[in-house]
């Protein structure tokens, strides 16, 4: 029963964190849209530039997180092997 409660709390934590991240992202998105719409020089292509930059940053962050996760997993596996020997 304790394991189930821990799992549920873990999932609630993940969902709450994700919800807060989404609200934050939407707030920043609105702020950037307002900024780009207020500048005549950025009004035509500003949102496209913003979308491309955010996409590149997101892909870079996902790649970086994947690499960190891979390194951590390799270290954990290496530690398991060392503990067995």
PDB file of N, CA and C in Angstrom:
ATOM      1  N   UNK A   1       0.815  -1.192   0.000  1.00  0.00           N
ATOM      2  CA  UNK A   1       0.000   0.000   0.000  1.00  0.00           C
ATOM      3  C   UNK A   1       0.865   1.264   0.000  1.00  0.00           C
ATOM      4  N   UNK A   2       1.987   1.223   0.749  1.00  0.00           N
ATOM      5  CA  UNK A   2       2.887   2.371   0.824  1.00  0.00           C
ATOM      6  C   UNK A   2       3.471   2.695  -0.548  1.00  0.00           C
ATOM      7  N   UNK A   3       3.803   1.653  -1.312  1.00  0.00           N
ATOM      8  CA  UNK A   3       4.374   1.853  -2.649  1.00  0.00           C
ATOM      9  C   UNK A   3       3.356   2.522  -3.558  1.00  0.00           C
ATOM     10  N   UNK A   4       2.095   2.143  -3.469  1.00  0.00           N
ATOM     11  CA  UNK A   4       1.050   2.744  -4.304  1.00  0.00           C
ATOM     12  C   UNK A   4       0.882   4.217  -3.966  1.00  0.00           C
ATOM     13  N   UNK A   5       0.867   4.540  -2.678  1.00  0.00           N
ATOM     14  CA  UNK A   5       0.733   5.939  -2.254  1.00  0.00           C
ATOM     15  C   UNK A   5       1.918   6.756  -2.755  1.00  0.00           C
ATOM     16  N   UNK A   6       3.129   6.206  -2.677  1.00  0.00           N
ATOM     17  CA  UNK A   6       4.316   6.909  -3.163  1.00  0.00           C
ATOM     18  C   UNK A   6       4.228   7.141  -4.663  1.00  0.00           C
ATOM     19  N   UNK A   7       3.736   6.141  -5.403  1.00  0.00           N
ATOM     20  CA  UNK A   7       3.577   6.273  -6.857  1.00  0.00           C
ATOM     21  C   UNK A   7       2.559   7.363  -7.197  1.00  0.00           C
ATOM     22  N   UNK A   8       1.434   7.353  -6.478  1.00  0.00           N
ATOM     23  CA  UNK A   8       0.391   8.351  -6.725  1.00  0.00           C
ATOM     24  C   UNK A   8       0.932   9.748  -6.427  1.00  0.00           C
ATOM     25  N   UNK A   9       1.617   9.912  -5.302  1.00  0.00           N
ATOM     26  CA  UNK A   9       2.192  11.206  -4.962  1.00  0.00           C
ATOM     27  C   UNK A   9       3.230  11.640  -5.993  1.00  0.00           C
ATOM     28  N   UNK A  10       4.002  10.706  -6.490  1.00  0.00           N
ATOM     29  CA  UNK A  10       4.998  11.008  -7.516  1.00  0.00           C
ATOM     30  C   UNK A  10       4.316  11.505  -8.797  1.00  0.00           C
ATOM     31  N   UNK A  11       3.250  10.830  -9.186  1.00  0.00           N
ATOM     32  CA  UNK A  11       2.512  11.233 -10.403  1.00  0.00           C
ATOM     33  C   UNK A  11       1.856  12.601 -10.211  1.00  0.00           C
ATOM     34  N   UNK A  12       1.299  12.849  -9.023  1.00  0.00           N
ATOM     35  CA  UNK A  12       0.688  14.152  -8.749  1.00  0.00           C
ATOM     36  C   UNK A  12       1.749  15.244  -8.829  1.00  0.00           C
ATOM     37  N   UNK A  13       2.926  14.969  -8.290  1.00  0.00           N
ATOM     38  CA  UNK A  13       4.033  15.924  -8.349  1.00  0.00           C
ATOM     39  C   UNK A  13       4.400  16.231  -9.797  1.00  0.00           C
ATOM     40  N   UNK A  14       4.505  15.202 -10.612  1.00  0.00           N
ATOM     41  CA  UNK A  14       4.849  15.382 -12.027  1.00  0.00           C
ATOM     42  C   UNK A  14       3.764  16.190 -12.736  1.00  0.00           C
ATOM     43  N   UNK A  15       2.499  15.848 -12.492  1.00  0.00           N
ATOM     44  CA  UNK A  15       1.404  16.570 -13.136  1.00  0.00           C
ATOM     45  C   UNK A  15       1.348  18.033 -12.696  1.00  0.00           C
ATOM     46  N   UNK A  16       1.538  18.293 -11.414  1.00  0.00           N
ATOM     47  CA  UNK A  16       1.509  19.671 -10.915  1.00  0.00           C
ATOM     48  C   UNK A  16       2.655  20.482 -11.507  1.00  0.00           C
ATOM     49  N   UNK A  17       3.834  19.885 -11.553  1.00  0.00           N
ATOM     50  CA  UNK A  17       4.990  20.564 -12.132  1.00  0.00           C
ATOM     51  C   UNK A  17       4.770  20.849 -13.615  1.00  0.00           C
ATOM     52  N   UNK A  18       4.224  19.886 -14.330  1.00  0.00           N
ATOM     53  CA  UNK A  18       3.941  20.069 -15.753  1.00  0.00           C
ATOM     54  C   UNK A  18       2.901  21.156 -15.976  1.00  0.00           C
ATOM     55  N   UNK A  19       1.867  21.175 -15.136  1.00  0.00           N
ATOM     56  CA  UNK A  19       0.824  22.198 -15.259  1.00  0.00           C
ATOM     57  C   UNK A  19       1.401  23.587 -15.021  1.00  0.00           C
ATOM     58  N   UNK A  20       2.251  23.723 -14.005  1.00  0.00           N
ATOM     59  CA  UNK A  20       2.874  25.019 -13.734  1.00  0.00           C
ATOM     60  C   UNK A  20       3.796  25.430 -14.873  1.00  0.00           C
ATOM     61  N   UNK A  21       4.509  24.479 -15.437  1.00  0.00           N
ATOM     62  CA  UNK A  21       5.383  24.783 -16.574  1.00  0.00           C
ATOM     63  C   UNK A  21       4.559  25.244 -17.774  1.00  0.00           C
ATOM     64  N   UNK A  22       3.412  24.616 -18.000  1.00  0.00           N
ATOM     65  CA  UNK A  22       2.545  25.012 -19.110  1.00  0.00           C
ATOM     66  C   UNK A  22       2.006  26.426 -18.910  1.00  0.00           C
ATOM     67  N   UNK A  23       1.541  26.732 -17.704  1.00  0.00           N
ATOM     68  CA  UNK A  23       1.033  28.073 -17.408  1.00  0.00           C
ATOM     69  C   UNK A  23       2.135  29.113 -17.615  1.00  0.00           C
ATOM     70  N   UNK A  24       3.349  28.794 -17.160  1.00  0.00           N
ATOM     71  CA  UNK A  24       4.483  29.703 -17.339  1.00  0.00           C
ATOM     72  C   UNK A  24       4.781  29.906 -18.819  1.00  0.00           C
ATOM     73  N   UNK A  25       4.791  28.818 -19.577  1.00  0.00           N
ATOM     74  CA  UNK A  25       5.065  28.917 -21.015  1.00  0.00           C
ATOM     75  C   UNK A  25       3.995  29.749 -21.722  1.00  0.00           C
ATOM     76  N   UNK A  26       2.748  29.560 -21.350  1.00  0.00           N
ATOM     77  CA  UNK A  26       1.676  30.344 -21.975  1.00  0.00           C
ATOM     78  C   UNK A  26       1.793  31.828 -21.632  1.00  0.00           C
ATOM     79  N   UNK A  27       2.188  32.121 -20.403  1.00  0.00           N
ATOM     80  CA  UNK A  27       2.374  33.522 -20.009  1.00  0.00           C
ATOM     81  C   UNK A  27       3.497  34.167 -20.818  1.00  0.00           C
ATOM     82  N   UNK A  28       4.607  33.460 -20.952  1.00  0.00           N
ATOM     83  CA  UNK A  28       5.719  33.991 -21.741  1.00  0.00           C
ATOM     84  C   UNK A  28       5.323  34.122 -23.206  1.00  0.00           C
ATOM     85  N   UNK A  29       4.564  33.162 -23.700  1.00  0.00           N
ATOM     86  CA  UNK A  29       4.120  33.215 -25.087  1.00  0.00           C
ATOM     87  C   UNK A  29       3.282  34.472 -25.328  1.00  0.00           C
ATOM     88  N   UNK A  30       2.362  34.753 -24.417  1.00  0.00           N
ATOM     89  CA  UNK A  30       1.534  35.955 -24.547  1.00  0.00           C
ATOM     90  C   UNK A  30       2.383  37.227 -24.492  1.00  0.00           C
ATOM     91  N   UNK A  31       3.354  37.237 -23.586  1.00  0.00           N
ATOM     92  CA  UNK A  31       4.227  38.406 -23.466  1.00  0.00           C
ATOM     93  C   UNK A  31       5.019  38.629 -24.753  1.00  0.00           C
ATOM     94  N   UNK A  32       5.571  37.563 -25.301  1.00  0.00           N
ATOM     95  CA  UNK A  32       6.334  37.701 -26.545  1.00  0.00           C
ATOM     96  C   UNK A  32       5.436  38.131 -27.701  1.00  0.00           C
ATOM     97  N   UNK A  33       4.245  37.549 -27.785  1.00  0.00           N
ATOM     98  CA  UNK A  33       3.329  37.947 -28.856  1.00  0.00           C
ATOM     99  C   UNK A  33       2.992  39.431 -28.763  1.00  0.00           C
ATOM    100  N   UNK A  34       2.721  39.896 -27.561  1.00  0.00           N
ATOM    101  CA  UNK A  34       2.403  41.309 -27.376  1.00  0.00           C
ATOM    102  C   UNK A  34       3.597  42.186 -27.769  1.00  0.00           C
ATOM    103  N   UNK A  35       4.795  41.757 -27.385  1.00  0.00           N
ATOM    104  CA  UNK A  35       5.991  42.524 -27.730  1.00  0.00           C
ATOM    105  C   UNK A  35       6.170  42.594 -29.243  1.00  0.00           C
ATOM    106  N   UNK A  36       6.054  41.439 -29.916  1.00  0.00           N
ATOM    107  CA  UNK A  36       6.250  41.419 -31.360  1.00  0.00           C
ATOM    108  C   UNK A  36       5.166  42.218 -32.080  1.00  0.00           C
ATOM    109  N   UNK A  37       3.945  42.158 -31.577  1.00  0.00           N
ATOM    110  CA  UNK A  37       2.861  42.913 -32.209  1.00  0.00           C
ATOM    111  C   UNK A  37       2.997  44.413 -31.991  1.00  0.00           C
ATOM    112  N   UNK A  38       3.690  44.826 -30.944  1.00  0.00           N
ATOM    113  CA  UNK A  38       3.837  46.252 -30.665  1.00  0.00           C
ATOM    114  C   UNK A  38       4.982  46.895 -31.456  1.00  0.00           C
ATOM    115  N   UNK A  39       5.849  46.096 -32.024  1.00  0.00           N
ATOM    116  CA  UNK A  39       6.982  46.616 -32.798  1.00  0.00           C
ATOM    117  C   UNK A  39       6.696  46.461 -34.294  1.00  0.00           C
ATOM    118  N   UNK A  40       6.542  47.576 -35.005  1.00  0.00           N
ATOM    119  CA  UNK A  40       6.236  47.496 -36.445  1.00  0.00           C
ATOM    120  C   UNK A  40       7.270  46.695 -37.234  1.00  0.00           C
ATOM    121  N   UNK A  41       8.532  46.799 -36.845  1.00  0.00           N
ATOM    122  CA  UNK A  41       9.575  46.091 -37.598  1.00  0.00           C
ATOM    123  C   UNK A  41       9.495  44.573 -37.394  1.00  0.00           C
ATOM    124  N   UNK A  42       8.910  44.137 -36.292  1.00  0.00           N
ATOM    125  CA  UNK A  42       8.801  42.706 -36.012  1.00  0.00           C
ATOM    126  C   UNK A  42       7.411  42.141 -36.296  1.00  0.00           C
ATOM    127  N   UNK A  43       6.474  43.033 -36.609  1.00  0.00           N
ATOM    128  CA  UNK A  43       5.084  42.593 -36.746  1.00  0.00           C
ATOM    129  C   UNK A  43       4.903  41.554 -37.851  1.00  0.00           C
ATOM    130  N   UNK A  44       5.620  41.710 -38.941  1.00  0.00           N
ATOM    131  CA  UNK A  44       5.417  40.814 -40.081  1.00  0.00           C
ATOM    132  C   UNK A  44       6.030  39.432 -39.854  1.00  0.00           C
ATOM    133  N   UNK A  45       7.288  39.363 -39.431  1.00  0.00           N
ATOM    134  CA  UNK A  45       7.974  38.068 -39.311  1.00  0.00           C
ATOM    135  C   UNK A  45       8.398  37.732 -37.884  1.00  0.00           C
ATOM    136  N   UNK A  46       8.141  38.628 -36.954  1.00  0.00           N
ATOM    137  CA  UNK A  46       8.592  38.421 -35.582  1.00  0.00           C
ATOM    138  C   UNK A  46       8.111  37.124 -34.952  1.00  0.00           C
ATOM    139  N   UNK A  47       6.823  36.822 -35.135  1.00  0.00           N
ATOM    140  CA  UNK A  47       6.289  35.590 -34.535  1.00  0.00           C
ATOM    141  C   UNK A  47       6.902  34.335 -35.164  1.00  0.00           C
ATOM    142  N   UNK A  48       7.215  34.403 -36.448  1.00  0.00           N
ATOM    143  CA  UNK A  48       7.868  33.259 -37.098  1.00  0.00           C
ATOM    144  C   UNK A  48       9.282  33.064 -36.552  1.00  0.00           C
ATOM    145  N   UNK A  49       9.985  34.179 -36.397  1.00  0.00           N
ATOM    146  CA  UNK A  49      11.340  34.099 -35.835  1.00  0.00           C
ATOM    147  C   UNK A  49      11.280  33.540 -34.424  1.00  0.00           C
ATOM    148  N   UNK A  50      10.326  34.035 -33.638  1.00  0.00           N
ATOM    149  CA  UNK A  50      10.138  33.555 -32.268  1.00  0.00           C
ATOM    150  C   UNK A  50       9.845  32.052 -32.249  1.00  0.00           C
ATOM    151  N   UNK A  51       8.933  31.611 -33.112  1.00  0.00           N
ATOM    152  CA  UNK A  51       8.568  30.191 -33.161  1.00  0.00           C
ATOM    153  C   UNK A  51       9.770  29.319 -33.540  1.00  0.00           C
ATOM    154  N   UNK A  52      10.548  29.767 -34.505  1.00  0.00           N
ATOM    155  CA  UNK A  52      11.726  29.002 -34.919  1.00  0.00           C
ATOM    156  C   UNK A  52      12.764  28.956 -33.793  1.00  0.00           C
ATOM    157  N   UNK A  53      13.003  30.096 -33.150  1.00  0.00           N
ATOM    158  CA  UNK A  53      13.972  30.125 -32.054  1.00  0.00           C
ATOM    159  C   UNK A  53      13.539  29.222 -30.896  1.00  0.00           C
ATOM    160  N   UNK A  54      12.267  29.288 -30.518  1.00  0.00           N
ATOM    161  CA  UNK A  54      11.763  28.450 -29.430  1.00  0.00           C
ATOM    162  C   UNK A  54      11.884  26.972 -29.800  1.00  0.00           C
ATOM    163  N   UNK A  55      11.599  26.649 -31.041  1.00  0.00           N
ATOM    164  CA  UNK A  55      11.722  25.261 -31.498  1.00  0.00           C
ATOM    165  C   UNK A  55      13.168  24.790 -31.386  1.00  0.00           C
ATOM    166  N   UNK A  56      14.108  25.612 -31.858  1.00  0.00           N
ATOM    167  CA  UNK A  56      15.524  25.238 -31.789  1.00  0.00           C
ATOM    168  C   UNK A  56      15.997  25.092 -30.343  1.00  0.00           C
ATOM    169  N   UNK A  57      15.570  26.011 -29.484  1.00  0.00           N
ATOM    170  CA  UNK A  57      15.944  25.927 -28.069  1.00  0.00           C
ATOM    171  C   UNK A  57      15.352  24.669 -27.435  1.00  0.00           C
ATOM    172  N   UNK A  58      14.102  24.374 -27.746  1.00  0.00           N
ATOM    173  CA  UNK A  58      13.441  23.188 -27.187  1.00  0.00           C
ATOM    174  C   UNK A  58      14.119  21.898 -27.643  1.00  0.00           C
ATOM    175  N   UNK A  59      14.423  21.822 -28.922  1.00  0.00           N
ATOM    176  CA  UNK A  59      15.104  20.629 -29.439  1.00  0.00           C
ATOM    177  C   UNK A  59      16.475  20.484 -28.787  1.00  0.00           C
ATOM    178  N   UNK A  60      17.202  21.595 -28.654  1.00  0.00           N
ATOM    179  CA  UNK A  60      18.505  21.559 -27.999  1.00  0.00           C
ATOM    180  C   UNK A  60      18.405  21.111 -26.551  1.00  0.00           C
ATOM    181  N   UNK A  61      17.414  21.639 -25.830  1.00  0.00           N
ATOM    182  CA  UNK A  61      17.220  21.257 -24.430  1.00  0.00           C
ATOM    183  C   UNK A  61      16.858  19.780 -24.314  1.00  0.00           C
ATOM    184  N   UNK A  62      15.981  19.296 -25.194  1.00  0.00           N
ATOM    185  CA  UNK A  62      15.607  17.874 -25.166  1.00  0.00           C
ATOM    186  C   UNK A  62      16.812  16.990 -25.467  1.00  0.00           C
ATOM    187  N   UNK A  63      17.621  17.402 -26.433  1.00  0.00           N
ATOM    188  CA  UNK A  63      18.819  16.639 -26.759  1.00  0.00           C
ATOM    189  C   UNK A  63      19.761  16.591 -25.558  1.00  0.00           C
ATOM    190  N   UNK A  64      19.968  17.747 -24.934  1.00  0.00           N
ATOM    191  CA  UNK A  64      20.849  17.824 -23.770  1.00  0.00           C
ATOM    192  C   UNK A  64      20.337  16.950 -22.623  1.00  0.00           C
ATOM    193  N   UNK A  65      19.047  17.019 -22.348  1.00  0.00           N
ATOM    194  CA  UNK A  65      18.472  16.196 -21.284  1.00  0.00           C
ATOM    195  C   UNK A  65      18.588  14.706 -21.592  1.00  0.00           C
ATOM    196  N   UNK A  66      18.425  14.345 -22.849  1.00  0.00           N
ATOM    197  CA  UNK A  66      18.572  12.947 -23.251  1.00  0.00           C
ATOM    198  C   UNK A  66      20.008  12.474 -23.022  1.00  0.00           C
ATOM    199  N   UNK A  67      20.975  13.335 -23.366  1.00  0.00           N
ATOM    200  CA  UNK A  67      22.380  12.975 -23.164  1.00  0.00           C
ATOM    201  C   UNK A  67      22.709  12.840 -21.678  1.00  0.00           C
ATOM    202  N   UNK A  68      22.191  13.756 -20.861  1.00  0.00           N
ATOM    203  CA  UNK A  68      22.419  13.676 -19.418  1.00  0.00           C
ATOM    204  C   UNK A  68      21.819  12.393 -18.857  1.00  0.00           C
ATOM    205  N   UNK A  69      20.615  12.076 -19.291  1.00  0.00           N
ATOM    206  CA  UNK A  69      19.948  10.852 -18.833  1.00  0.00           C
ATOM    207  C   UNK A  69      20.754   9.612 -19.235  1.00  0.00           C
ATOM    208  N   UNK A  70      21.285   9.628 -20.452  1.00  0.00           N
ATOM    209  CA  UNK A  70      22.081   8.499 -20.939  1.00  0.00           C
ATOM    210  C   UNK A  70      23.344   8.327 -20.091  1.00  0.00           C
ATOM    211  N   UNK A  71      24.029   9.428 -19.790  1.00  0.00           N
ATOM    212  CA  UNK A  71      25.248   9.382 -18.981  1.00  0.00           C
ATOM    213  C   UNK A  71      24.931   8.874 -17.575  1.00  0.00           C
ATOM    214  N   UNK A  72      23.845   9.386 -16.987  1.00  0.00           N
ATOM    215  CA  UNK A  72      23.446   8.944 -15.640  1.00  0.00           C
ATOM    216  C   UNK A  72      23.136   7.451 -15.632  1.00  0.00           C
ATOM    217  N   UNK A  73      22.431   6.996 -16.658  1.00  0.00           N
ATOM    218  CA  UNK A  73      22.073   5.572 -16.742  1.00  0.00           C
ATOM    219  C   UNK A  73      23.328   4.714 -16.872  1.00  0.00           C
ATOM    220  N   UNK A  74      24.292   5.169 -17.679  1.00  0.00           N
ATOM    221  CA  UNK A  74      25.543   4.425 -17.834  1.00  0.00           C
ATOM    222  C   UNK A  74      26.304   4.362 -16.516  1.00  0.00           C
ATOM    223  N   UNK A  75      26.327   5.469 -15.763  1.00  0.00           N
ATOM    224  CA  UNK A  75      27.010   5.482 -14.465  1.00  0.00           C
ATOM    225  C   UNK A  75      26.333   4.533 -13.487  1.00  0.00           C
ATOM    226  N   UNK A  76      25.007   4.520 -13.483  1.00  0.00           N
ATOM    227  CA  UNK A  76      24.270   3.616 -12.597  1.00  0.00           C
ATOM    228  C   UNK A  76      24.570   2.172 -12.957  1.00  0.00           C
ATOM    229  N   UNK A  77      24.551   1.866 -14.261  1.00  0.00           N
ATOM    230  CA  UNK A  77      24.852   0.502 -14.695  1.00  0.00           C
ATOM    231  C   UNK A  77      26.287   0.115 -14.356  1.00  0.00           C
ATOM    232  N   UNK A  78      27.221   1.067 -14.506  1.00  0.00           N
ATOM    233  CA  UNK A  78      28.615   0.802 -14.180  1.00  0.00           C
ATOM    234  C   UNK A  78      28.773   0.530 -12.686  1.00  0.00           C
ATOM    235  N   UNK A  79      28.066   1.305 -11.860  1.00  0.00           N
ATOM    236  CA  UNK A  79      28.100   1.087 -10.417  1.00  0.00           C
ATOM    237  C   UNK A  79      27.539  -0.280 -10.041  1.00  0.00           C
ATOM    238  N   UNK A  80      26.484  -0.708 -10.725  1.00  0.00           N
ATOM    239  CA  UNK A  80      25.910  -2.035 -10.463  1.00  0.00           C
ATOM    240  C   UNK A  80      26.909  -3.131 -10.804  1.00  0.00           C
ATOM    241  N   UNK A  81      27.613  -2.946 -11.912  1.00  0.00           N
ATOM    242  CA  UNK A  81      28.610  -3.941 -12.327  1.00  0.00           C
ATOM    243  C   UNK A  81      29.730  -3.988 -11.304  1.00  0.00           C
ATOM    244  N   UNK A  82      30.196  -2.808 -10.847  1.00  0.00           N
ATOM    245  CA  UNK A  82      31.279  -2.754  -9.855  1.00  0.00           C
ATOM    246  C   UNK A  82      30.855  -3.369  -8.530  1.00  0.00           C
ATOM    247  N   UNK A  83      29.583  -3.210  -8.161  1.00  0.00           N
ATOM    248  CA  UNK A  83      29.111  -3.771  -6.898  1.00  0.00           C
ATOM    249  C   UNK A  83      29.048  -5.296  -6.954  1.00  0.00           C
ATOM    250  N   UNK A  84      28.754  -5.836  -8.152  1.00  0.00           N
ATOM    251  CA  UNK A  84      28.673  -7.287  -8.313  1.00  0.00           C
ATOM    252  C   UNK A  84      30.063  -7.895  -8.249  1.00  0.00           C
ATOM    253  N   UNK A  85      31.051  -7.213  -8.814  1.00  0.00           N
ATOM    254  CA  UNK A  85      32.424  -7.741  -8.845  1.00  0.00           C
ATOM    255  C   UNK A  85      33.016  -7.521  -7.513  1.00  0.00           C
TER     256      UNK A  85
END
